[in-house]
PDB file of N, CA and C in Angstrom:
ATOM      1  N   MET A   1     -36.394 -30.772  24.120  1.00  0.00           N
ATOM      2  CA  MET A   1     -36.892 -29.853  25.103  1.00  0.00           C
ATOM      3  C   MET A   1     -37.412 -28.584  24.432  1.00  0.00           C
ATOM      4  N   MET A   2     -36.699 -28.098  23.439  1.00  0.00           N
ATOM      5  CA  MET A   2     -37.125 -26.860  22.793  1.00  0.00           C
ATOM      6  C   MET A   2     -38.466 -27.041  22.080  1.00  0.00           C
ATOM      7  N   ARG A   3     -38.666 -28.191  21.478  1.00  0.00           N
ATOM      8  CA  ARG A   3     -39.942 -28.475  20.810  1.00  0.00           C
ATOM      9  C   ARG A   3     -41.084 -28.473  21.834  1.00  0.00           C
ATOM     10  N   ASP A   4     -40.846 -29.099  22.979  1.00  0.00           N
ATOM     11  CA  ASP A   4     -41.862 -29.118  24.035  1.00  0.00           C
ATOM     12  C   ASP A   4     -42.098 -27.724  24.612  1.00  0.00           C
ATOM     13  N   ALA A   5     -41.072 -26.903  24.676  1.00  0.00           N
ATOM     14  CA  ALA A   5     -41.240 -25.529  25.144  1.00  0.00           C
ATOM     15  C   ALA A   5     -42.158 -24.757  24.198  1.00  0.00           C
ATOM     16  N   GLN A   6     -41.976 -24.964  22.914  1.00  0.00           N
ATOM     17  CA  GLN A   6     -42.827 -24.291  21.933  1.00  0.00           C
ATOM     18  C   GLN A   6     -44.266 -24.779  22.017  1.00  0.00           C
ATOM     19  N   ARG A   7     -44.464 -26.002  22.432  1.00  0.00           N
ATOM     20  CA  ARG A   7     -45.810 -26.571  22.606  1.00  0.00           C
ATOM     21  C   ARG A   7     -46.417 -26.212  23.960  1.00  0.00           C
ATOM     22  N   ARG A   8     -45.646 -25.509  24.794  1.00  0.00           N
ATOM     23  CA  ARG A   8     -46.080 -25.099  26.128  1.00  0.00           C
ATOM     24  C   ARG A   8     -46.338 -26.302  27.045  1.00  0.00           C
ATOM     25  N   CYS A   9     -45.499 -27.313  26.930  1.00  0.00           N
ATOM     26  CA  CYS A   9     -45.624 -28.509  27.769  1.00  0.00           C
ATOM     27  C   CYS A   9     -45.120 -28.258  29.194  1.00  0.00           C
ATOM     28  N   PHE A  10     -44.352 -27.219  29.384  1.00  0.00           N
ATOM     29  CA  PHE A  10     -43.841 -26.870  30.707  1.00  0.00           C
ATOM     30  C   PHE A  10     -43.612 -25.365  30.752  1.00  0.00           C
ATOM     31  N   ASP A  11     -43.443 -24.833  31.953  1.00  0.00           N
ATOM     32  CA  ASP A  11     -43.255 -23.387  32.072  1.00  0.00           C
ATOM     33  C   ASP A  11     -42.043 -23.000  32.914  1.00  0.00           C
ATOM     34  N   LEU A  12     -41.214 -23.983  33.260  1.00  0.00           N
ATOM     35  CA  LEU A  12     -40.039 -23.692  34.069  1.00  0.00           C
ATOM     36  C   LEU A  12     -38.919 -24.674  33.739  1.00  0.00           C
ATOM     37  N   VAL A  13     -37.701 -24.146  33.646  1.00  0.00           N
ATOM     38  CA  VAL A  13     -36.498 -24.978  33.481  1.00  0.00           C
ATOM     39  C   VAL A  13     -35.555 -24.613  34.612  1.00  0.00           C
ATOM     40  N   ARG A  14     -35.074 -25.629  35.301  1.00  0.00           N
ATOM     41  CA  ARG A  14     -34.097 -25.404  36.373  1.00  0.00           C
ATOM     42  C   ARG A  14     -32.820 -26.145  36.012  1.00  0.00           C
ATOM     43  N   VAL A  15     -31.718 -25.458  36.148  1.00  0.00           N
ATOM     44  CA  VAL A  15     -30.419 -26.087  35.907  1.00  0.00           C
ATOM     45  C   VAL A  15     -29.487 -25.752  37.063  1.00  0.00           C
ATOM     46  N   TRP A  16     -28.627 -26.660  37.365  1.00  0.00           N
ATOM     47  CA  TRP A  16     -27.662 -26.469  38.438  1.00  0.00           C
ATOM     48  C   TRP A  16     -26.617 -25.440  38.030  1.00  0.00           C
ATOM     49  N   ASP A  17     -26.173 -25.537  36.784  1.00  0.00           N
ATOM     50  CA  ASP A  17     -25.087 -24.698  36.292  1.00  0.00           C
ATOM     51  C   ASP A  17     -25.277 -24.529  34.783  1.00  0.00           C
ATOM     52  N   LEU A  18     -25.044 -23.328  34.266  1.00  0.00           N
ATOM     53  CA  LEU A  18     -25.220 -23.107  32.827  1.00  0.00           C
ATOM     54  C   LEU A  18     -24.331 -24.011  31.985  1.00  0.00           C
ATOM     55  N   SER A  19     -23.207 -24.422  32.528  1.00  0.00           N
ATOM     56  CA  SER A  19     -22.339 -25.330  31.773  1.00  0.00           C
ATOM     57  C   SER A  19     -23.006 -26.694  31.587  1.00  0.00           C
ATOM     58  N   ARG A  20     -23.990 -27.007  32.416  1.00  0.00           N
ATOM     59  CA  ARG A  20     -24.741 -28.256  32.293  1.00  0.00           C
ATOM     60  C   ARG A  20     -25.950 -28.117  31.380  1.00  0.00           C
ATOM     61  N   PHE A  21     -26.339 -26.882  31.114  1.00  0.00           N
ATOM     62  CA  PHE A  21     -27.497 -26.636  30.269  1.00  0.00           C
ATOM     63  C   PHE A  21     -27.197 -26.954  28.806  1.00  0.00           C
ATOM     64  N   SER A  22     -26.019 -26.587  28.349  1.00  0.00           N
ATOM     65  CA  SER A  22     -25.614 -26.853  26.966  1.00  0.00           C
ATOM     66  C   SER A  22     -24.100 -26.962  26.901  1.00  0.00           C
ATOM     67  N   ARG A  23     -23.644 -27.912  26.157  1.00  0.00           N
ATOM     68  CA  ARG A  23     -22.198 -28.064  25.965  1.00  0.00           C
ATOM     69  C   ARG A  23     -21.749 -27.501  24.617  1.00  0.00           C
ATOM     70  N   GLU A  24     -22.635 -26.724  23.991  1.00  0.00           N
ATOM     71  CA  GLU A  24     -22.354 -26.148  22.678  1.00  0.00           C
ATOM     72  C   GLU A  24     -21.691 -24.779  22.753  1.00  0.00           C
ATOM     73  N   GLY A  25     -21.486 -24.270  23.956  1.00  0.00           N
ATOM     74  CA  GLY A  25     -20.849 -22.963  24.104  1.00  0.00           C
ATOM     75  C   GLY A  25     -21.829 -21.905  24.581  1.00  0.00           C
ATOM     76  N   ILE A  26     -21.285 -20.819  25.035  1.00  0.00           N
ATOM     77  CA  ILE A  26     -22.088 -19.764  25.648  1.00  0.00           C
ATOM     78  C   ILE A  26     -23.051 -19.119  24.653  1.00  0.00           C
ATOM     79  N   GLU A  27     -22.651 -19.028  23.403  1.00  0.00           N
ATOM     80  CA  GLU A  27     -23.531 -18.430  22.391  1.00  0.00           C
ATOM     81  C   GLU A  27     -24.817 -19.236  22.252  1.00  0.00           C
ATOM     82  N   LYS A  28     -24.707 -20.545  22.234  1.00  0.00           N
ATOM     83  CA  LYS A  28     -25.885 -21.414  22.141  1.00  0.00           C
ATOM     84  C   LYS A  28     -26.734 -21.332  23.407  1.00  0.00           C
ATOM     85  N   VAL A  29     -26.092 -21.174  24.554  1.00  0.00           N
ATOM     86  CA  VAL A  29     -26.837 -21.016  25.806  1.00  0.00           C
ATOM     87  C   VAL A  29     -27.733 -19.787  25.700  1.00  0.00           C
ATOM     88  N   PHE A  30     -27.194 -18.678  25.195  1.00  0.00           N
ATOM     89  CA  PHE A  30     -27.994 -17.472  25.029  1.00  0.00           C
ATOM     90  C   PHE A  30     -29.116 -17.679  24.018  1.00  0.00           C
ATOM     91  N   GLU A  31     -28.854 -18.400  22.948  1.00  0.00           N
ATOM     92  CA  GLU A  31     -29.908 -18.691  21.967  1.00  0.00           C
ATOM     93  C   GLU A  31     -31.020 -19.511  22.604  1.00  0.00           C
ATOM     94  N   HIS A  32     -30.642 -20.542  23.349  1.00  0.00           N
ATOM     95  CA  HIS A  32     -31.633 -21.415  23.988  1.00  0.00           C
ATOM     96  C   HIS A  32     -32.451 -20.663  25.034  1.00  0.00           C
ATOM     97  N   THR A  33     -31.791 -19.870  25.858  1.00  0.00           N
ATOM     98  CA  THR A  33     -32.525 -19.129  26.887  1.00  0.00           C
ATOM     99  C   THR A  33     -33.439 -18.076  26.260  1.00  0.00           C
ATOM    100  N   SER A  34     -33.020 -17.500  25.156  1.00  0.00           N
ATOM    101  CA  SER A  34     -33.861 -16.542  24.442  1.00  0.00           C
ATOM    102  C   SER A  34     -35.111 -17.237  23.908  1.00  0.00           C
ATOM    103  N   LEU A  35     -34.945 -18.409  23.322  1.00  0.00           N
ATOM    104  CA  LEU A  35     -36.091 -19.158  22.816  1.00  0.00           C
ATOM    105  C   LEU A  35     -37.035 -19.537  23.960  1.00  0.00           C
ATOM    106  N   LEU A  36     -36.487 -19.973  25.069  1.00  0.00           N
ATOM    107  CA  LEU A  36     -37.311 -20.330  26.218  1.00  0.00           C
ATOM    108  C   LEU A  36     -38.106 -19.102  26.700  1.00  0.00           C
ATOM    109  N   THR A  37     -37.476 -17.957  26.735  1.00  0.00           N
ATOM    110  CA  THR A  37     -38.160 -16.730  27.154  1.00  0.00           C
ATOM    111  C   THR A  37     -39.289 -16.389  26.191  1.00  0.00           C
ATOM    112  N   GLN A  38     -39.049 -16.546  24.907  1.00  0.00           N
ATOM    113  CA  GLN A  38     -40.085 -16.284  23.908  1.00  0.00           C
ATOM    114  C   GLN A  38     -41.264 -17.230  24.062  1.00  0.00           C
ATOM    115  N   CYS A  39     -41.019 -18.407  24.578  1.00  0.00           N
ATOM    116  CA  CYS A  39     -42.067 -19.414  24.784  1.00  0.00           C
ATOM    117  C   CYS A  39     -42.696 -19.299  26.172  1.00  0.00           C
ATOM    118  N   ASP A  40     -42.391 -18.210  26.890  1.00  0.00           N
ATOM    119  CA  ASP A  40     -42.908 -17.970  28.245  1.00  0.00           C
ATOM    120  C   ASP A  40     -42.500 -19.043  29.235  1.00  0.00           C
ATOM    121  N   VAL A  41     -41.280 -19.557  29.078  1.00  0.00           N
ATOM    122  CA  VAL A  41     -40.733 -20.521  30.010  1.00  0.00           C
ATOM    123  C   VAL A  41     -39.739 -19.778  30.902  1.00  0.00           C
ATOM    124  N   SER A  42     -39.954 -19.891  32.214  1.00  0.00           N
ATOM    125  CA  SER A  42     -39.044 -19.252  33.162  1.00  0.00           C
ATOM    126  C   SER A  42     -37.742 -20.040  33.215  1.00  0.00           C
ATOM    127  N   PHE A  43     -36.672 -19.322  33.460  1.00  0.00           N
ATOM    128  CA  PHE A  43     -35.369 -19.956  33.484  1.00  0.00           C
ATOM    129  C   PHE A  43     -34.634 -19.532  34.718  1.00  0.00           C
TER     130      PHE A  43
END
């Protein structure tokens, strides 16, 4: 997903719950959401 975000394949990510977005912990969730924001993907 992150590779496709960098390629601008989509512009929106919807998740039911942040715990479903990543099981790597809250720190990784913040890293992923930061990358998505940098790629102009709404979250």
